[in-house]
N, C-alpha and C. Protein backbone atom coordinates (compact mmCIF):
# COMPACT_ATOMS: atom_id res chain seq x y z
N MET A 1 18.50 14.20 248.11
CA MET A 1 18.92 14.59 249.44
C MET A 1 17.77 14.37 250.42
N LYS A 2 18.12 13.97 251.62
CA LYS A 2 17.09 13.72 252.64
C LYS A 2 16.45 15.03 253.06
N ARG A 3 15.19 14.92 253.41
CA ARG A 3 14.46 16.11 253.85
C ARG A 3 14.93 16.57 255.21
N GLU A 4 14.73 17.82 255.50
CA GLU A 4 15.09 18.39 256.79
C GLU A 4 13.88 18.27 257.71
N LEU A 5 13.67 17.02 258.15
CA LEU A 5 12.48 16.64 258.88
C LEU A 5 12.87 15.61 259.94
N ILE A 6 12.59 15.92 261.20
CA ILE A 6 12.91 15.02 262.31
C ILE A 6 11.61 14.69 263.03
N THR A 7 11.39 13.39 263.26
CA THR A 7 10.24 12.95 264.05
C THR A 7 10.78 12.31 265.32
N ILE A 8 10.20 12.70 266.45
CA ILE A 8 10.65 12.19 267.75
C ILE A 8 9.46 11.53 268.44
N ALA A 9 9.59 10.26 268.69
CA ALA A 9 8.60 9.48 269.44
C ALA A 9 9.27 9.04 270.72
N GLY A 10 8.52 8.36 271.59
CA GLY A 10 9.16 7.87 272.79
C GLY A 10 8.19 7.41 273.84
N SER A 11 8.76 6.86 274.87
CA SER A 11 8.00 6.41 276.03
C SER A 11 7.35 7.62 276.69
N LEU A 12 6.23 7.37 277.37
CA LEU A 12 5.58 8.43 278.13
C LEU A 12 6.56 8.98 279.17
N GLY A 13 6.71 10.30 279.22
CA GLY A 13 7.59 10.93 280.19
C GLY A 13 9.06 10.94 279.81
N SER A 14 9.39 10.52 278.59
CA SER A 14 10.80 10.41 278.19
C SER A 14 11.42 11.73 277.79
N GLY A 15 10.62 12.77 277.62
CA GLY A 15 11.17 14.07 277.25
C GLY A 15 11.04 14.42 275.78
N LYS A 16 10.04 13.84 275.13
CA LYS A 16 9.85 14.07 273.68
C LYS A 16 9.70 15.55 273.36
N SER A 17 8.79 16.22 274.03
CA SER A 17 8.51 17.63 273.71
C SER A 17 9.71 18.51 274.02
N SER A 18 10.31 18.33 275.19
CA SER A 18 11.47 19.16 275.56
C SER A 18 12.61 18.96 274.56
N THR A 19 12.85 17.70 274.20
CA THR A 19 13.91 17.40 273.24
C THR A 19 13.60 18.00 271.87
N ALA A 20 12.37 17.80 271.42
CA ALA A 20 11.99 18.31 270.10
C ALA A 20 12.10 19.83 270.04
N LYS A 21 11.65 20.51 271.09
CA LYS A 21 11.75 21.98 271.12
C LYS A 21 13.22 22.42 271.06
N ALA A 22 14.07 21.77 271.85
CA ALA A 22 15.48 22.16 271.90
C ALA A 22 16.19 21.85 270.58
N VAL A 23 15.89 20.70 269.98
CA VAL A 23 16.50 20.35 268.69
C VAL A 23 16.05 21.34 267.62
N ALA A 24 14.77 21.65 267.60
CA ALA A 24 14.25 22.62 266.62
C ALA A 24 14.93 23.97 266.79
N GLU A 25 15.06 24.41 268.02
CA GLU A 25 15.71 25.70 268.27
C GLU A 25 17.16 25.69 267.80
N ALA A 26 17.88 24.61 268.11
CA ALA A 26 19.30 24.52 267.72
C ALA A 26 19.47 24.55 266.20
N LEU A 27 18.51 23.97 265.48
CA LEU A 27 18.60 23.90 264.01
C LEU A 27 17.92 25.08 263.31
N GLY A 28 17.17 25.86 264.07
CA GLY A 28 16.40 26.93 263.44
C GLY A 28 15.18 26.40 262.71
N TYR A 29 14.68 25.23 263.14
CA TYR A 29 13.51 24.61 262.54
C TYR A 29 12.28 24.97 263.37
N ARG A 30 11.13 24.74 262.78
CA ARG A 30 9.86 24.90 263.49
C ARG A 30 9.61 23.64 264.32
N HIS A 31 8.86 23.77 265.41
CA HIS A 31 8.50 22.63 266.26
C HIS A 31 6.99 22.44 266.25
N PHE A 32 6.57 21.18 266.21
CA PHE A 32 5.15 20.84 266.35
C PHE A 32 5.03 19.65 267.27
N SER A 33 4.05 19.70 268.19
CA SER A 33 3.82 18.61 269.13
C SER A 33 2.41 18.06 268.94
N SER A 34 2.32 16.81 268.48
CA SER A 34 0.98 16.22 268.38
C SER A 34 0.47 15.88 269.77
N GLY A 35 1.36 15.73 270.75
CA GLY A 35 0.93 15.54 272.14
C GLY A 35 0.19 16.76 272.66
N ASP A 36 0.69 17.95 272.30
CA ASP A 36 -0.02 19.18 272.69
C ASP A 36 -1.39 19.22 272.05
N LEU A 37 -1.46 18.82 270.77
CA LEU A 37 -2.74 18.79 270.07
C LEU A 37 -3.68 17.79 270.74
N PHE A 38 -3.17 16.62 271.11
CA PHE A 38 -3.99 15.60 271.77
C PHE A 38 -4.47 16.10 273.13
N ARG A 39 -3.57 16.79 273.88
CA ARG A 39 -3.97 17.35 275.18
C ARG A 39 -5.04 18.43 274.98
N LYS A 40 -4.92 19.20 273.91
CA LYS A 40 -5.94 20.22 273.61
C LYS A 40 -7.29 19.56 273.34
N ILE A 41 -7.27 18.47 272.56
CA ILE A 41 -8.50 17.73 272.27
C ILE A 41 -9.11 17.21 273.57
N ALA A 42 -8.25 16.65 274.44
CA ALA A 42 -8.73 16.14 275.74
C ALA A 42 -9.37 17.27 276.55
N GLY A 43 -8.70 18.42 276.59
CA GLY A 43 -9.24 19.56 277.32
C GLY A 43 -10.58 20.02 276.77
N GLU A 44 -10.70 20.06 275.43
CA GLU A 44 -11.96 20.46 274.81
C GLU A 44 -13.08 19.48 275.13
N ARG A 45 -12.70 18.22 275.33
CA ARG A 45 -13.67 17.19 275.68
C ARG A 45 -13.95 17.16 277.18
N GLY A 46 -13.18 17.93 277.95
CA GLY A 46 -13.33 17.94 279.40
C GLY A 46 -12.84 16.64 280.03
N GLU A 47 -11.84 16.03 279.40
CA GLU A 47 -11.32 14.73 279.85
C GLU A 47 -9.83 14.83 280.12
N SER A 48 -9.33 13.86 280.87
CA SER A 48 -7.89 13.70 281.03
C SER A 48 -7.35 13.09 279.74
N VAL A 49 -6.05 13.15 279.56
CA VAL A 49 -5.43 12.51 278.39
C VAL A 49 -5.71 11.01 278.41
N GLU A 50 -5.63 10.42 279.60
CA GLU A 50 -5.90 8.98 279.71
C GLU A 50 -7.32 8.66 279.27
N ALA A 51 -8.29 9.44 279.71
CA ALA A 51 -9.69 9.19 279.32
C ALA A 51 -9.88 9.36 277.81
N THR A 52 -9.21 10.35 277.23
CA THR A 52 -9.31 10.54 275.79
C THR A 52 -8.65 9.39 275.04
N ASN A 53 -7.55 8.87 275.58
CA ASN A 53 -6.92 7.68 275.00
C ASN A 53 -7.90 6.52 274.97
N ILE A 54 -8.58 6.30 276.08
CA ILE A 54 -9.54 5.20 276.16
C ILE A 54 -10.69 5.46 275.19
N SER A 55 -11.19 6.70 275.13
CA SER A 55 -12.25 7.05 274.18
C SER A 55 -11.82 6.79 272.75
N ALA A 56 -10.55 7.07 272.46
CA ALA A 56 -10.04 6.91 271.09
C ALA A 56 -10.00 5.45 270.65
N GLU A 57 -10.05 4.51 271.61
CA GLU A 57 -10.10 3.10 271.23
C GLU A 57 -11.39 2.79 270.48
N VAL A 58 -12.44 3.53 270.78
CA VAL A 58 -13.74 3.32 270.14
C VAL A 58 -14.03 4.42 269.11
N GLN A 59 -13.71 5.65 269.48
CA GLN A 59 -13.98 6.80 268.60
C GLN A 59 -12.72 7.09 267.78
N LYS A 60 -12.57 6.37 266.70
CA LYS A 60 -11.35 6.44 265.90
C LYS A 60 -11.11 7.81 265.28
N ASP A 61 -12.14 8.64 265.21
CA ASP A 61 -11.97 9.98 264.64
C ASP A 61 -10.98 10.82 265.43
N ILE A 62 -10.78 10.51 266.71
CA ILE A 62 -9.81 11.27 267.51
C ILE A 62 -8.41 11.08 266.94
N ASP A 63 -8.01 9.82 266.74
CA ASP A 63 -6.69 9.56 266.15
C ASP A 63 -6.63 10.02 264.70
N TYR A 64 -7.69 9.81 263.96
CA TYR A 64 -7.70 10.22 262.55
C TYR A 64 -7.51 11.72 262.41
N GLN A 65 -8.06 12.50 263.34
CA GLN A 65 -7.90 13.96 263.31
C GLN A 65 -6.42 14.33 263.43
N VAL A 66 -5.74 13.74 264.39
CA VAL A 66 -4.32 14.01 264.59
C VAL A 66 -3.50 13.47 263.41
N ASP A 67 -3.79 12.24 263.01
CA ASP A 67 -3.01 11.59 261.95
C ASP A 67 -3.18 12.26 260.60
N LYS A 68 -4.36 12.77 260.32
CA LYS A 68 -4.59 13.48 259.06
C LYS A 68 -3.69 14.72 258.99
N LEU A 69 -3.61 15.44 260.09
CA LEU A 69 -2.74 16.61 260.13
C LEU A 69 -1.28 16.20 259.93
N LEU A 70 -0.85 15.13 260.59
CA LEU A 70 0.53 14.66 260.44
C LEU A 70 0.81 14.24 258.99
N GLN A 71 -0.13 13.56 258.37
CA GLN A 71 0.06 13.15 256.97
C GLN A 71 0.23 14.36 256.07
N GLU A 72 -0.58 15.38 256.28
CA GLU A 72 -0.48 16.60 255.49
C GLU A 72 0.88 17.27 255.72
N MET A 73 1.30 17.33 256.97
CA MET A 73 2.60 17.93 257.28
C MET A 73 3.72 17.14 256.61
N GLY A 74 3.58 15.83 256.56
CA GLY A 74 4.57 14.99 255.92
C GLY A 74 4.72 15.27 254.44
N ARG A 75 3.63 15.69 253.81
CA ARG A 75 3.67 16.01 252.38
C ARG A 75 4.20 17.42 252.11
N THR A 76 4.02 18.33 253.06
CA THR A 76 4.27 19.74 252.75
C THR A 76 5.38 20.40 253.57
N GLU A 77 5.69 19.88 254.73
CA GLU A 77 6.61 20.58 255.64
C GLU A 77 8.07 20.20 255.41
N ASN A 78 8.94 21.13 255.73
CA ASN A 78 10.37 20.93 255.74
C ASN A 78 10.92 21.81 256.85
N LYS A 79 12.09 21.48 257.33
CA LYS A 79 12.71 22.22 258.44
C LYS A 79 11.76 22.27 259.64
N ILE A 80 11.38 21.07 260.07
CA ILE A 80 10.46 20.95 261.20
C ILE A 80 10.86 19.75 262.05
N VAL A 81 10.65 19.87 263.35
CA VAL A 81 10.85 18.77 264.30
C VAL A 81 9.48 18.50 264.91
N ILE A 82 9.04 17.25 264.80
CA ILE A 82 7.71 16.87 265.27
C ILE A 82 7.83 15.83 266.36
N ASP A 83 7.26 16.12 267.53
CA ASP A 83 7.19 15.08 268.55
C ASP A 83 5.79 14.49 268.50
N SER A 84 5.78 13.17 268.30
CA SER A 84 4.52 12.48 268.04
C SER A 84 4.74 10.98 268.16
N ARG A 85 3.74 10.27 268.63
CA ARG A 85 3.84 8.81 268.69
C ARG A 85 3.90 8.17 267.30
N MET A 86 3.22 8.80 266.32
CA MET A 86 3.08 8.15 265.02
C MET A 86 3.65 8.91 263.82
N ALA A 87 4.24 10.07 264.02
CA ALA A 87 4.75 10.83 262.87
C ALA A 87 5.77 10.02 262.07
N TRP A 88 6.59 9.23 262.74
CA TRP A 88 7.58 8.41 262.03
C TRP A 88 6.90 7.52 260.98
N HIS A 89 5.69 7.07 261.29
CA HIS A 89 4.95 6.18 260.38
C HIS A 89 4.48 6.94 259.14
N TRP A 90 4.07 8.18 259.34
CA TRP A 90 3.55 8.99 258.24
C TRP A 90 4.66 9.69 257.47
N MET A 91 5.82 9.79 258.06
CA MET A 91 6.93 10.53 257.43
C MET A 91 8.15 9.62 257.35
N GLN A 92 8.07 8.65 256.45
CA GLN A 92 9.12 7.66 256.33
C GLN A 92 10.47 8.25 255.92
N ASP A 93 10.45 9.42 255.29
CA ASP A 93 11.71 10.03 254.87
C ASP A 93 12.27 10.99 255.91
N SER A 94 11.71 10.95 257.12
CA SER A 94 12.23 11.78 258.22
C SER A 94 13.36 11.05 258.93
N PHE A 95 14.12 11.78 259.74
CA PHE A 95 15.07 11.18 260.67
C PHE A 95 14.25 10.80 261.89
N LYS A 96 14.14 9.51 262.14
CA LYS A 96 13.21 8.99 263.14
C LYS A 96 13.94 8.66 264.45
N VAL A 97 13.53 9.33 265.53
CA VAL A 97 14.16 9.19 266.85
C VAL A 97 13.15 8.61 267.83
N PHE A 98 13.62 7.70 268.67
CA PHE A 98 12.79 7.18 269.77
C PHE A 98 13.53 7.42 271.08
N LEU A 99 12.85 8.05 272.03
CA LEU A 99 13.40 8.28 273.36
C LEU A 99 12.82 7.25 274.32
N ALA A 100 13.68 6.44 274.89
CA ALA A 100 13.25 5.35 275.77
C ALA A 100 13.42 5.76 277.24
N LEU A 101 12.49 5.31 278.06
CA LEU A 101 12.58 5.54 279.50
C LEU A 101 11.73 4.50 280.21
N ASP A 102 12.32 3.85 281.21
CA ASP A 102 11.58 2.87 282.00
C ASP A 102 10.45 3.55 282.76
N ILE A 103 9.47 2.74 283.15
CA ILE A 103 8.24 3.26 283.74
C ILE A 103 8.44 4.01 285.05
N ASP A 104 9.34 3.54 285.93
CA ASP A 104 9.48 4.19 287.23
C ASP A 104 10.02 5.62 287.13
N PRO A 105 11.13 5.85 286.42
CA PRO A 105 11.56 7.25 286.28
C PRO A 105 10.57 8.08 285.46
N ALA A 106 9.88 7.46 284.53
CA ALA A 106 8.86 8.19 283.75
C ALA A 106 7.74 8.66 284.67
N ALA A 107 7.27 7.78 285.54
CA ALA A 107 6.19 8.15 286.46
C ALA A 107 6.62 9.28 287.37
N GLU A 108 7.84 9.24 287.85
CA GLU A 108 8.35 10.30 288.71
C GLU A 108 8.41 11.63 287.95
N ARG A 109 8.91 11.61 286.72
CA ARG A 109 8.99 12.84 285.92
C ARG A 109 7.60 13.42 285.66
N VAL A 110 6.67 12.57 285.25
CA VAL A 110 5.33 13.06 284.94
C VAL A 110 4.66 13.58 286.21
N PHE A 111 4.85 12.90 287.33
CA PHE A 111 4.25 13.37 288.59
C PHE A 111 4.80 14.74 288.97
N GLN A 112 6.10 14.94 288.79
CA GLN A 112 6.68 16.26 289.09
C GLN A 112 6.06 17.33 288.19
N ASP A 113 5.81 16.99 286.92
CA ASP A 113 5.14 17.93 286.01
C ASP A 113 3.71 18.21 286.47
N VAL A 114 3.02 17.18 286.96
CA VAL A 114 1.66 17.37 287.47
C VAL A 114 1.69 18.32 288.67
N LEU A 115 2.65 18.12 289.57
CA LEU A 115 2.76 19.00 290.74
C LEU A 115 3.03 20.45 290.35
N LYS A 116 3.85 20.62 289.30
CA LYS A 116 4.17 21.98 288.82
C LYS A 116 3.08 22.54 287.92
N LYS A 117 2.07 21.70 287.65
CA LYS A 117 0.97 22.07 286.76
C LYS A 117 1.46 22.45 285.36
N SER A 118 2.56 21.78 284.94
CA SER A 118 3.08 22.06 283.61
C SER A 118 2.56 21.08 282.57
N ARG A 119 1.70 20.16 283.00
CA ARG A 119 1.06 19.23 282.07
C ARG A 119 -0.43 19.48 282.08
N VAL A 120 -0.97 19.85 280.94
CA VAL A 120 -2.40 20.10 280.79
C VAL A 120 -3.11 18.75 280.64
N SER A 121 -4.24 18.60 281.30
CA SER A 121 -5.07 17.39 281.20
C SER A 121 -4.40 16.14 281.75
N GLU A 122 -3.38 16.28 282.58
CA GLU A 122 -2.77 15.15 283.26
C GLU A 122 -3.18 15.22 284.71
N GLU A 123 -3.34 14.06 285.33
CA GLU A 123 -3.70 14.07 286.74
C GLU A 123 -3.06 12.89 287.45
N GLY A 124 -3.03 12.97 288.77
CA GLY A 124 -2.48 11.92 289.60
C GLY A 124 -2.11 12.51 290.94
N SER A 125 -2.50 11.85 292.01
CA SER A 125 -2.21 12.37 293.34
C SER A 125 -0.95 11.75 293.95
N SER A 126 -0.32 10.82 293.23
CA SER A 126 0.91 10.20 293.70
C SER A 126 1.66 9.63 292.51
N VAL A 127 2.91 9.27 292.74
CA VAL A 127 3.71 8.64 291.68
C VAL A 127 3.04 7.33 291.27
N ASP A 128 2.48 6.60 292.24
CA ASP A 128 1.81 5.33 291.91
C ASP A 128 0.60 5.55 291.02
N ASP A 129 -0.17 6.61 291.29
CA ASP A 129 -1.32 6.94 290.42
C ASP A 129 -0.85 7.22 288.99
N VAL A 130 0.20 8.01 288.88
CA VAL A 130 0.72 8.37 287.57
C VAL A 130 1.26 7.13 286.86
N ARG A 131 1.95 6.27 287.62
CA ARG A 131 2.49 5.03 287.03
C ARG A 131 1.36 4.19 286.45
N ALA A 132 0.29 4.03 287.21
CA ALA A 132 -0.86 3.26 286.74
C ALA A 132 -1.47 3.90 285.50
N SER A 133 -1.56 5.21 285.49
CA SER A 133 -2.10 5.93 284.33
C SER A 133 -1.21 5.72 283.10
N ILE A 134 0.10 5.80 283.30
CA ILE A 134 1.04 5.58 282.19
C ILE A 134 0.87 4.17 281.64
N GLU A 135 0.75 3.19 282.52
CA GLU A 135 0.58 1.81 282.06
C GLU A 135 -0.70 1.65 281.25
N ARG A 136 -1.79 2.28 281.71
CA ARG A 136 -3.06 2.20 280.97
C ARG A 136 -2.95 2.91 279.63
N ARG A 137 -2.35 4.10 279.62
CA ARG A 137 -2.18 4.84 278.36
C ARG A 137 -1.32 4.07 277.38
N PHE A 138 -0.22 3.49 277.88
CA PHE A 138 0.66 2.72 277.01
C PHE A 138 -0.10 1.56 276.37
N ALA A 139 -0.83 0.82 277.19
CA ALA A 139 -1.61 -0.31 276.67
C ALA A 139 -2.64 0.15 275.65
N SER A 140 -3.31 1.26 275.94
CA SER A 140 -4.31 1.80 275.03
C SER A 140 -3.68 2.20 273.70
N GLU A 141 -2.55 2.90 273.76
CA GLU A 141 -1.90 3.35 272.52
C GLU A 141 -1.40 2.16 271.70
N GLN A 142 -0.82 1.18 272.35
CA GLN A 142 -0.34 -0.01 271.63
C GLN A 142 -1.51 -0.68 270.90
N LYS A 143 -2.60 -0.83 271.62
CA LYS A 143 -3.79 -1.47 271.05
C LYS A 143 -4.35 -0.66 269.89
N ARG A 144 -4.49 0.65 270.09
CA ARG A 144 -5.08 1.50 269.05
C ARG A 144 -4.24 1.52 267.79
N TYR A 145 -2.94 1.77 267.93
CA TYR A 145 -2.12 1.93 266.74
C TYR A 145 -1.93 0.62 265.99
N PHE A 146 -1.94 -0.50 266.72
CA PHE A 146 -1.87 -1.77 266.01
C PHE A 146 -3.19 -2.04 265.30
N SER A 147 -4.29 -1.74 265.98
CA SER A 147 -5.62 -1.94 265.38
C SER A 147 -5.82 -1.04 264.16
N LEU A 148 -5.43 0.22 264.27
CA LEU A 148 -5.64 1.18 263.18
C LEU A 148 -4.68 0.97 262.02
N TYR A 149 -3.40 0.73 262.33
CA TYR A 149 -2.38 0.78 261.28
C TYR A 149 -1.50 -0.46 261.19
N GLY A 150 -1.70 -1.42 262.10
CA GLY A 150 -0.90 -2.64 262.06
C GLY A 150 0.56 -2.42 262.43
N VAL A 151 0.83 -1.42 263.27
CA VAL A 151 2.21 -1.13 263.67
C VAL A 151 2.35 -1.18 265.18
N HIS A 152 3.57 -1.47 265.59
CA HIS A 152 3.95 -1.40 267.01
C HIS A 152 4.74 -0.10 267.16
N PRO A 153 4.14 0.94 267.74
CA PRO A 153 4.76 2.26 267.73
C PRO A 153 6.02 2.42 268.57
N THR A 154 6.34 1.43 269.40
CA THR A 154 7.55 1.55 270.23
C THR A 154 8.64 0.56 269.81
N ASP A 155 8.48 -0.11 268.70
CA ASP A 155 9.47 -1.07 268.22
C ASP A 155 10.72 -0.32 267.75
N PRO A 156 11.88 -0.57 268.36
CA PRO A 156 13.10 0.15 267.98
C PRO A 156 13.45 0.02 266.49
N LYS A 157 12.99 -1.01 265.84
CA LYS A 157 13.29 -1.20 264.42
C LYS A 157 12.67 -0.10 263.55
N ASN A 158 11.70 0.63 264.09
CA ASN A 158 11.05 1.71 263.33
C ASN A 158 11.88 2.98 263.26
N PHE A 159 13.00 3.04 263.99
CA PHE A 159 13.69 4.30 264.21
C PHE A 159 15.15 4.26 263.75
N ASP A 160 15.65 5.44 263.39
CA ASP A 160 17.06 5.58 263.01
C ASP A 160 17.95 5.70 264.24
N LEU A 161 17.37 6.17 265.35
CA LEU A 161 18.13 6.39 266.57
C LEU A 161 17.24 6.12 267.77
N VAL A 162 17.77 5.40 268.76
CA VAL A 162 17.08 5.17 270.03
C VAL A 162 18.01 5.69 271.13
N VAL A 163 17.47 6.57 271.99
CA VAL A 163 18.26 7.16 273.08
C VAL A 163 17.52 6.89 274.39
N ASN A 164 18.23 6.33 275.37
CA ASN A 164 17.66 6.15 276.70
C ASN A 164 17.86 7.46 277.45
N THR A 165 16.77 8.07 277.91
CA THR A 165 16.87 9.38 278.55
C THR A 165 17.04 9.29 280.07
N LYS A 166 17.11 8.07 280.61
CA LYS A 166 17.25 7.94 282.06
C LYS A 166 18.55 8.56 282.56
N ASP A 167 19.65 8.25 281.92
CA ASP A 167 20.96 8.71 282.38
C ASP A 167 21.51 9.86 281.55
N ASN A 168 20.70 10.41 280.67
CA ASN A 168 21.12 11.54 279.84
C ASN A 168 20.20 12.72 280.13
N ASP A 169 20.81 13.85 280.49
CA ASP A 169 19.99 15.04 280.70
C ASP A 169 19.59 15.60 279.34
N LEU A 170 18.76 16.63 279.34
CA LEU A 170 18.23 17.19 278.10
C LEU A 170 19.35 17.61 277.16
N LYS A 171 20.36 18.29 277.67
CA LYS A 171 21.46 18.75 276.82
C LYS A 171 22.15 17.57 276.15
N ALA A 172 22.41 16.51 276.91
CA ALA A 172 23.08 15.34 276.33
C ALA A 172 22.22 14.68 275.26
N VAL A 173 20.91 14.56 275.52
CA VAL A 173 20.01 13.95 274.53
C VAL A 173 19.99 14.79 273.26
N VAL A 174 19.87 16.10 273.41
CA VAL A 174 19.84 17.00 272.25
C VAL A 174 21.14 16.88 271.46
N ASP A 175 22.27 16.85 272.16
CA ASP A 175 23.56 16.72 271.48
C ASP A 175 23.65 15.41 270.69
N ILE A 176 23.16 14.31 271.28
CA ILE A 176 23.17 13.01 270.59
C ILE A 176 22.30 13.08 269.34
N VAL A 177 21.10 13.63 269.48
CA VAL A 177 20.18 13.72 268.34
C VAL A 177 20.79 14.57 267.22
N LEU A 178 21.32 15.73 267.57
CA LEU A 178 21.91 16.61 266.56
C LEU A 178 23.08 15.95 265.84
N LYS A 179 23.96 15.30 266.59
CA LYS A 179 25.12 14.64 265.99
C LYS A 179 24.68 13.54 265.03
N LYS A 180 23.76 12.69 265.47
CA LYS A 180 23.31 11.58 264.62
C LYS A 180 22.50 12.07 263.43
N TYR A 181 21.74 13.15 263.61
CA TYR A 181 20.97 13.73 262.51
C TYR A 181 21.91 14.23 261.42
N LYS A 182 22.97 14.93 261.81
CA LYS A 182 23.94 15.43 260.83
C LYS A 182 24.64 14.28 260.12
N GLN A 183 24.96 13.20 260.86
CA GLN A 183 25.55 12.02 260.23
C GLN A 183 24.58 11.40 259.23
N TRP A 184 23.32 11.30 259.61
CA TRP A 184 22.27 10.75 258.75
C TRP A 184 22.18 11.54 257.46
N GLN A 185 22.19 12.86 257.58
CA GLN A 185 22.12 13.72 256.38
C GLN A 185 23.37 13.55 255.53
N ASN A 186 24.53 13.51 256.16
CA ASN A 186 25.79 13.38 255.43
C ASN A 186 25.92 12.03 254.74
N ASP A 187 25.41 10.98 255.38
CA ASP A 187 25.43 9.65 254.76
C ASP A 187 24.71 9.65 253.43
N GLU A 188 23.59 10.32 253.39
CA GLU A 188 22.78 10.40 252.15
C GLU A 188 23.53 11.24 251.10
N ALA A 189 24.11 12.35 251.53
CA ALA A 189 24.80 13.24 250.60
C ALA A 189 26.01 12.55 249.98
N ALA A 190 26.63 11.62 250.72
CA ALA A 190 27.81 10.92 250.22
C ALA A 190 27.47 9.85 249.19
N ARG A 191 26.20 9.46 249.12
CA ARG A 191 25.81 8.39 248.18
C ARG A 191 25.76 8.86 246.77
């Protein structure tokens, strides 16, 4: 039987954490965010998330710290929803979800979070600033994860489900994930 483990990756600003929290709550699972851990690391370093991303291109121990924890969780955890860029890679037996969102609506969402101060270690004085930051972070993450692990972390082929969050509100995204997750589990049970 498939494990009760969901990994949620996605574009910057696509709603990974909100979706993962809501899915975990609906299922009665625990939630873990490697993005929160990365933001905590950035805060401890006195850097923005973008600066820590750039630092991680050279200081590989930053990614290794997060990835080591994810690997351990992959061996030991069950009934958990993890939002992370790379958890799908470490947890091949998880239900792997990717949330897609184009850069313009992503920049607007992240900027609104910056204005509300609901994003730790994020900065930007305009949507254009945030858009530029997202583009730099995306490029940095693509480069790092390919260099470290030889993977393209946003390739839809890596995932069991891809959901575009532009035209779906949080409730709709959560409903889609829950429905497909139950189908995924049932498909295995029927074999």
